[in-house]
C-alpha atoms as a PDB file:
ATOM      1  CA  MET A   1     -20.370  40.173  39.822  1.00  0.00           C
ATOM      2  CA  ILE A   2     -20.401  41.659  36.337  1.00  0.00           C
ATOM      3  CA  PRO A   3     -20.997  45.453  36.436  1.00  0.00           C
ATOM      4  CA  SER A   4     -24.373  46.502  35.040  1.00  0.00           C
ATOM      5  CA  VAL A   5     -22.786  48.811  32.448  1.00  0.00           C
ATOM      6  CA  GLN A   6     -20.603  45.988  31.150  1.00  0.00           C
ATOM      7  CA  LEU A   7     -23.566  43.591  31.119  1.00  0.00           C
ATOM      8  CA  SER A   8     -25.705  46.109  29.213  1.00  0.00           C
ATOM      9  CA  LEU A   9     -22.998  46.534  26.597  1.00  0.00           C
ATOM     10  CA  PHE A  10     -22.755  42.760  26.205  1.00  0.00           C
ATOM     11  CA  PHE A  11     -26.522  42.539  25.724  1.00  0.00           C
ATOM     12  CA  LEU A  12     -26.457  45.193  22.996  1.00  0.00           C
ATOM     13  CA  LEU A  13     -23.673  43.342  21.179  1.00  0.00           C
ATOM     14  CA  VAL A  14     -25.531  40.022  21.451  1.00  0.00           C
ATOM     15  CA  LEU A  15     -28.767  41.625  20.239  1.00  0.00           C
ATOM     16  CA  GLY A  16     -26.959  43.192  17.285  1.00  0.00           C
ATOM     17  CA  ILE A  17     -25.507  39.829  16.279  1.00  0.00           C
ATOM     18  CA  ILE A  18     -28.755  37.881  16.682  1.00  0.00           C
ATOM     19  CA  VAL A  19     -31.005  40.290  14.769  1.00  0.00           C
ATOM     20  CA  LEU A  20     -28.690  40.188  11.752  1.00  0.00           C
ATOM     21  CA  PRO A  21     -30.068  37.666   9.224  1.00  0.00           C
ATOM     22  CA  GLY A  22     -28.037  34.485   9.358  1.00  0.00           C
ATOM     23  CA  LEU A  23     -28.185  30.694   9.291  1.00  0.00           C
ATOM     24  CA  ASP A  24     -30.029  30.390  12.627  1.00  0.00           C
ATOM     25  CA  MET A  25     -32.671  32.938  11.667  1.00  0.00           C
ATOM     26  CA  ALA A  26     -33.214  31.327   8.273  1.00  0.00           C
ATOM     27  CA  TYR A  27     -33.692  27.916   9.879  1.00  0.00           C
ATOM     28  CA  VAL A  28     -36.214  29.256  12.397  1.00  0.00           C
ATOM     29  CA  LEU A  29     -38.128  30.961   9.584  1.00  0.00           C
ATOM     30  CA  GLY A  30     -38.224  27.813   7.467  1.00  0.00           C
ATOM     31  CA  SER A  31     -39.254  25.586  10.389  1.00  0.00           C
ATOM     32  CA  SER A  32     -42.033  27.979  11.414  1.00  0.00           C
ATOM     33  CA  LEU A  33     -43.483  28.235   7.929  1.00  0.00           C
ATOM     34  CA  MET A  34     -43.266  24.472   7.484  1.00  0.00           C
ATOM     35  CA  GLY A  35     -44.656  23.266  10.796  1.00  0.00           C
ATOM     36  CA  GLY A  36     -46.239  26.257  12.478  1.00  0.00           C
ATOM     37  CA  ARG A  37     -45.404  27.986  15.755  1.00  0.00           C
ATOM     38  CA  ARG A  38     -44.590  24.826  17.703  1.00  0.00           C
ATOM     39  CA  SER A  39     -42.155  23.630  15.084  1.00  0.00           C
ATOM     40  CA  GLY A  40     -40.569  27.075  14.972  1.00  0.00           C
ATOM     41  CA  LEU A  41     -40.240  27.158  18.755  1.00  0.00           C
ATOM     42  CA  ALA A  42     -38.675  23.677  18.659  1.00  0.00           C
ATOM     43  CA  ALA A  43     -36.078  25.094  16.268  1.00  0.00           C
ATOM     44  CA  VAL A  44     -35.535  28.007  18.658  1.00  0.00           C
ATOM     45  CA  GLY A  45     -35.049  25.558  21.527  1.00  0.00           C
ATOM     46  CA  GLY A  46     -32.392  23.689  19.559  1.00  0.00           C
ATOM     47  CA  ILE A  47     -30.596  26.924  18.728  1.00  0.00           C
ATOM     48  CA  MET A  48     -30.687  27.936  22.396  1.00  0.00           C
ATOM     49  CA  LEU A  49     -29.109  24.595  23.317  1.00  0.00           C
ATOM     50  CA  GLY A  50     -26.428  25.257  20.719  1.00  0.00           C
ATOM     51  CA  GLY A  51     -25.854  28.657  22.318  1.00  0.00           C
ATOM     52  CA  VAL A  52     -25.342  27.025  25.710  1.00  0.00           C
ATOM     53  CA  CYS A  53     -22.824  24.625  24.165  1.00  0.00           C
ATOM     54  CA  HIS A  54     -20.939  27.575  22.646  1.00  0.00           C
ATOM     55  CA  VAL A  55     -20.697  29.192  26.082  1.00  0.00           C
ATOM     56  CA  VAL A  56     -19.421  25.967  27.652  1.00  0.00           C
ATOM     57  CA  MET A  57     -16.841  25.489  24.901  1.00  0.00           C
ATOM     58  CA  ALA A  58     -15.643  29.069  25.154  1.00  0.00           C
ATOM     59  CA  THR A  59     -15.350  28.826  28.933  1.00  0.00           C
ATOM     60  CA  LEU A  60     -13.438  25.568  28.753  1.00  0.00           C
ATOM     61  CA  GLY A  61     -11.112  27.072  26.167  1.00  0.00           C
ATOM     62  CA  ILE A  62     -12.019  24.651  23.396  1.00  0.00           C
ATOM     63  CA  SER A  63     -12.698  27.542  21.058  1.00  0.00           C
ATOM     64  CA  VAL A  64      -9.080  28.635  21.479  1.00  0.00           C
ATOM     65  CA  VAL A  65      -8.119  25.676  19.296  1.00  0.00           C
ATOM     66  CA  LEU A  66     -10.042  27.256  16.431  1.00  0.00           C
ATOM     67  CA  GLN A  67      -8.114  30.480  16.973  1.00  0.00           C
ATOM     68  CA  VAL A  68      -4.683  28.816  17.192  1.00  0.00           C
ATOM     69  CA  TRP A  69      -5.408  26.532  14.239  1.00  0.00           C
ATOM     70  CA  PRO A  70      -7.280  28.689  11.674  1.00  0.00           C
ATOM     71  CA  ALA A  71      -7.877  25.719   9.377  1.00  0.00           C
ATOM     72  CA  ALA A  72     -10.143  24.238  12.056  1.00  0.00           C
ATOM     73  CA  PHE A  73     -12.350  27.317  11.856  1.00  0.00           C
ATOM     74  CA  ASP A  74     -12.612  26.952   8.089  1.00  0.00           C
ATOM     75  CA  VAL A  75     -13.649  23.309   8.497  1.00  0.00           C
ATOM     76  CA  VAL A  76     -16.420  24.335  10.921  1.00  0.00           C
ATOM     77  CA  LEU A  77     -17.532  27.110   8.570  1.00  0.00           C
ATOM     78  CA  TRP A  78     -17.740  24.819   5.551  1.00  0.00           C
ATOM     79  CA  LEU A  79     -19.509  22.041   7.467  1.00  0.00           C
ATOM     80  CA  GLY A  80     -22.096  24.454   8.801  1.00  0.00           C
ATOM     81  CA  ALA A  81     -22.650  26.039   5.403  1.00  0.00           C
ATOM     82  CA  ALA A  82     -22.932  22.646   3.700  1.00  0.00           C
ATOM     83  CA  TYR A  83     -25.472  21.506   6.303  1.00  0.00           C
ATOM     84  CA  VAL A  84     -27.672  24.550   5.681  1.00  0.00           C
ATOM     85  CA  VAL A  85     -27.363  24.113   1.906  1.00  0.00           C
ATOM     86  CA  TRP A  86     -28.465  20.487   2.297  1.00  0.00           C
ATOM     87  CA  ILE A  87     -31.554  21.495   4.319  1.00  0.00           C
ATOM     88  CA  GLY A  88     -32.384  24.244   1.821  1.00  0.00           C
ATOM     89  CA  TYR A  89     -31.992  21.901  -1.149  1.00  0.00           C
ATOM     90  CA  ALA A  90     -34.245  19.302   0.498  1.00  0.00           C
ATOM     91  CA  ILE A  91     -36.958  21.939   1.040  1.00  0.00           C
ATOM     92  CA  TRP A  92     -36.563  23.272  -2.500  1.00  0.00           C
ATOM     93  CA  ARG A  93     -36.915  19.780  -4.018  1.00  0.00           C
ATOM     94  CA  SER A  94     -40.064  18.977  -2.072  1.00  0.00           C
ATOM     95  CA  ASP A  95     -43.345  20.074  -3.630  1.00  0.00           C
ATOM     96  CA  THR A  96     -45.143  19.438  -0.333  1.00  0.00           C
ATOM     97  CA  ALA A  97     -42.673  20.939   2.140  1.00  0.00           C
ATOM     98  CA  PHE A  98     -45.192  23.370   3.634  1.00  0.00           C
ATOM     99  CA  LEU A  99     -48.228  21.098   3.437  1.00  0.00           C
ATOM    100  CA  PRO A 100     -49.605  19.121   6.431  1.00  0.00           C
ATOM    101  CA  ALA A 101     -48.314  15.734   5.226  1.00  0.00           C
ATOM    102  CA  ALA A 102     -44.766  17.052   5.110  1.00  0.00           C
ATOM    103  CA  ALA A 103     -45.043  18.719   8.486  1.00  0.00           C
ATOM    104  CA  GLU A 104     -46.160  15.441  10.063  1.00  0.00           C
ATOM    105  CA  ARG A 105     -43.085  13.630   8.716  1.00  0.00           C
ATOM    106  CA  HIS A 106     -40.763  16.001  10.573  1.00  0.00           C
ATOM    107  CA  SER A 107     -41.157  15.594  14.334  1.00  0.00           C
ATOM    108  CA  ARG A 108     -40.418  18.469  16.657  1.00  0.00           C
ATOM    109  CA  TRP A 109     -37.531  16.432  18.033  1.00  0.00           C
ATOM    110  CA  VAL A 110     -35.942  16.339  14.570  1.00  0.00           C
ATOM    111  CA  THR A 111     -36.511  20.096  14.214  1.00  0.00           C
ATOM    112  CA  PHE A 112     -34.991  20.693  17.666  1.00  0.00           C
ATOM    113  CA  ARG A 113     -31.967  18.530  16.866  1.00  0.00           C
ATOM    114  CA  ARG A 114     -31.370  20.217  13.528  1.00  0.00           C
ATOM    115  CA  GLY A 115     -31.628  23.612  15.213  1.00  0.00           C
ATOM    116  CA  ALA A 116     -28.920  22.634  17.681  1.00  0.00           C
ATOM    117  CA  VAL A 117     -26.655  21.366  14.897  1.00  0.00           C
ATOM    118  CA  THR A 118     -27.266  24.506  12.823  1.00  0.00           C
ATOM    119  CA  CYS A 119     -26.227  26.691  15.763  1.00  0.00           C
ATOM    120  CA  LEU A 120     -23.211  24.537  16.614  1.00  0.00           C
ATOM    121  CA  LEU A 121     -21.970  24.768  13.020  1.00  0.00           C
ATOM    122  CA  ASN A 122     -22.735  28.482  12.672  1.00  0.00           C
ATOM    123  CA  PRO A 123     -19.446  30.322  11.979  1.00  0.00           C
ATOM    124  CA  LYS A 124     -20.945  33.638  13.147  1.00  0.00           C
ATOM    125  CA  ALA A 125     -21.334  32.147  16.623  1.00  0.00           C
ATOM    126  CA  TYR A 126     -17.690  31.047  16.738  1.00  0.00           C
ATOM    127  CA  LEU A 127     -16.516  34.472  15.641  1.00  0.00           C
ATOM    128  CA  PHE A 128     -18.533  36.048  18.441  1.00  0.00           C
ATOM    129  CA  MET A 129     -17.309  33.594  21.077  1.00  0.00           C
ATOM    130  CA  LEU A 130     -13.682  34.079  20.017  1.00  0.00           C
ATOM    131  CA  ALA A 131     -13.651  37.834  19.546  1.00  0.00           C
ATOM    132  CA  VAL A 132     -16.278  39.204  21.960  1.00  0.00           C
ATOM    133  CA  PHE A 133     -17.182  36.752  24.719  1.00  0.00           C
ATOM    134  CA  PRO A 134     -13.732  36.564  26.381  1.00  0.00           C
ATOM    135  CA  GLN A 135     -13.574  40.374  26.619  1.00  0.00           C
ATOM    136  CA  PHE A 136     -16.405  40.353  29.184  1.00  0.00           C
ATOM    137  CA  MET A 137     -14.900  37.752  31.514  1.00  0.00           C
ATOM    138  CA  ARG A 138     -12.640  39.416  34.090  1.00  0.00           C
ATOM    139  CA  ARG A 139     -11.029  37.792  37.111  1.00  0.00           C
ATOM    140  CA  GLU A 140     -11.855  40.800  39.272  1.00  0.00           C
ATOM    141  CA  ASN A 141     -15.569  40.162  38.639  1.00  0.00           C
ATOM    142  CA  GLY A 142     -15.537  36.823  40.467  1.00  0.00           C
ATOM    143  CA  ALA A 143     -15.529  33.177  39.445  1.00  0.00           C
ATOM    144  CA  LEU A 144     -15.249  32.736  35.679  1.00  0.00           C
ATOM    145  CA  TRP A 145     -17.915  30.040  35.635  1.00  0.00           C
ATOM    146  CA  GLY A 146     -20.336  32.346  37.425  1.00  0.00           C
ATOM    147  CA  GLN A 147     -19.695  35.063  34.852  1.00  0.00           C
ATOM    148  CA  ALA A 148     -20.103  32.539  32.038  1.00  0.00           C
ATOM    149  CA  VAL A 149     -23.520  31.515  33.406  1.00  0.00           C
ATOM    150  CA  VAL A 150     -24.706  35.136  33.508  1.00  0.00           C
ATOM    151  CA  LEU A 151     -23.415  35.913  30.006  1.00  0.00           C
ATOM    152  CA  GLY A 152     -24.850  32.650  28.722  1.00  0.00           C
ATOM    153  CA  LEU A 153     -28.272  33.556  30.129  1.00  0.00           C
ATOM    154  CA  VAL A 154     -28.105  36.874  28.305  1.00  0.00           C
ATOM    155  CA  ILE A 155     -27.410  35.003  25.053  1.00  0.00           C
ATOM    156  CA  VAL A 156     -30.156  32.376  25.343  1.00  0.00           C
ATOM    157  CA  VAL A 157     -32.807  34.829  26.607  1.00  0.00           C
ATOM    158  CA  THR A 158     -32.036  37.162  23.696  1.00  0.00           C
ATOM    159  CA  GLN A 159     -32.232  34.203  21.297  1.00  0.00           C
ATOM    160  CA  LEU A 160     -35.608  33.263  22.780  1.00  0.00           C
ATOM    161  CA  ALA A 161     -36.953  36.803  22.457  1.00  0.00           C
ATOM    162  CA  VAL A 162     -35.779  37.438  18.883  1.00  0.00           C
ATOM    163  CA  TYR A 163     -36.116  33.984  17.334  1.00  0.00           C
ATOM    164  CA  GLY A 164     -39.198  33.140  19.396  1.00  0.00           C
ATOM    165  CA  GLY A 165     -40.911  36.278  18.138  1.00  0.00           C
ATOM    166  CA  LEU A 166     -39.990  35.353  14.575  1.00  0.00           C
ATOM    167  CA  ALA A 167     -41.270  31.800  15.076  1.00  0.00           C
ATOM    168  CA  CYS A 168     -44.627  33.017  16.374  1.00  0.00           C
ATOM    169  CA  ALA A 169     -45.013  35.556  13.582  1.00  0.00           C
ATOM    170  CA  ALA A 170     -44.022  33.188  10.783  1.00  0.00           C
ATOM    171  CA  GLY A 171     -45.879  30.260  12.353  1.00  0.00           C
ATOM    172  CA  GLY A 172     -49.082  32.259  12.253  1.00  0.00           C
ATOM    173  CA  ALA A 173     -48.844  32.264   8.464  1.00  0.00           C
ATOM    174  CA  GLN A 174     -48.532  28.478   8.256  1.00  0.00           C
ATOM    175  CA  GLY A 175     -52.278  27.829   8.458  1.00  0.00           C
ATOM    176  CA  TRP A 176     -52.884  30.376   5.718  1.00  0.00           C
ATOM    177  CA  LEU A 177     -50.311  28.615   3.522  1.00  0.00           C
ATOM    178  CA  VAL A 178     -51.878  25.191   4.133  1.00  0.00           C
ATOM    179  CA  ALA A 179     -55.173  26.521   2.756  1.00  0.00           C
ATOM    180  CA  ARG A 180     -53.370  27.688  -0.403  1.00  0.00           C
ATOM    181  CA  PRO A 181     -51.233  24.760  -1.656  1.00  0.00           C
ATOM    182  CA  VAL A 182     -49.971  26.528  -4.794  1.00  0.00           C
ATOM    183  CA  PHE A 183     -48.754  29.519  -2.814  1.00  0.00           C
ATOM    184  CA  ALA A 184     -47.323  27.203  -0.129  1.00  0.00           C
ATOM    185  CA  ARG A 185     -45.210  25.442  -2.755  1.00  0.00           C
ATOM    186  CA  ALA A 186     -43.938  28.788  -4.039  1.00  0.00           C
ATOM    187  CA  VAL A 187     -43.000  29.904  -0.525  1.00  0.00           C
ATOM    188  CA  GLY A 188     -41.321  26.541   0.067  1.00  0.00           C
ATOM    189  CA  LYS A 189     -39.187  27.019  -3.022  1.00  0.00           C
ATOM    190  CA  GLY A 190     -38.326  30.533  -1.880  1.00  0.00           C
ATOM    191  CA  VAL A 191     -37.268  29.449   1.607  1.00  0.00           C
ATOM    192  CA  GLY A 192     -35.222  26.607   0.136  1.00  0.00           C
ATOM    193  CA  VAL A 193     -33.431  29.008  -2.187  1.00  0.00           C
ATOM    194  CA  LEU A 194     -32.848  31.430   0.717  1.00  0.00           C
ATOM    195  CA  LEU A 195     -31.166  28.727   2.786  1.00  0.00           C
ATOM    196  CA  VAL A 196     -29.032  27.585  -0.150  1.00  0.00           C
ATOM    197  CA  VAL A 197     -27.937  31.145  -0.948  1.00  0.00           C
ATOM    198  CA  MET A 198     -27.004  31.849   2.663  1.00  0.00           C
ATOM    199  CA  GLY A 199     -25.091  28.574   2.919  1.00  0.00           C
ATOM    200  CA  VAL A 200     -23.218  29.203  -0.312  1.00  0.00           C
ATOM    201  CA  GLY A 201     -22.416  32.718   0.902  1.00  0.00           C
ATOM    202  CA  ALA A 202     -20.861  31.268   4.061  1.00  0.00           C
ATOM    203  CA  MET A 203     -18.852  28.834   1.919  1.00  0.00           C
ATOM    204  CA  LEU A 204     -17.529  31.678  -0.241  1.00  0.00           C
ATOM    205  CA  GLU A 205     -16.494  33.490   2.924  1.00  0.00           C
ATOM    206  CA  GLY A 206     -14.481  30.430   3.863  1.00  0.00           C
ATOM    207  CA  VAL A 207     -12.868  30.333   0.421  1.00  0.00           C
ATOM    208  CA  ARG A 208     -11.839  33.990   0.747  1.00  0.00           C
ATOM    209  CA  ARG A 209     -10.299  33.258   4.136  1.00  0.00           C
ATOM    210  CA  PHE A 210      -8.404  30.300   2.706  1.00  0.00           C
ATOM    211  CA  PHE A 211      -6.841  32.329  -0.113  1.00  0.00           C
END
């Protein structure tokens, strides 16, 4: 059983990481503005699934490969950044990204799947799982898998609270945007640029690590 003090500290660290603007948050924001609350929550669901996969990989020790072979981490970082840039560019190019016709073309399943991929290719998540997650798994606290389940629940519940709140707030503005096509296009361009900038920033981080 993980001590309550240790669990509270883990929660605060997870909360601090999640509330920092990043690729996952940008994707939830874009999905919510484009398709409303349900689309935003589908994105949140995908990101939560990605979080579960991160926990499983860390527990199995797969993430250790990224630590032993630093080049593998850089590959993940660049792939994730390129994926976000691609999504941002697609939104920026579209003049109808935040209009009803565009929202209908993107099913919630597609939004969910993209959310999972975005989380799985998020370098911030790998840094956390490599540097922080293992520090809270102790043999004296019981079975490692049991501890992993508890810590994983802390992660996904915090993701749901933070990203779900963002999805509901941003999704509420979607109807207002639909009624104002010119403004909706401007917001679409802005969100597209935001995603591209964040993706390029992650790429530059990878370049700095390489050199």
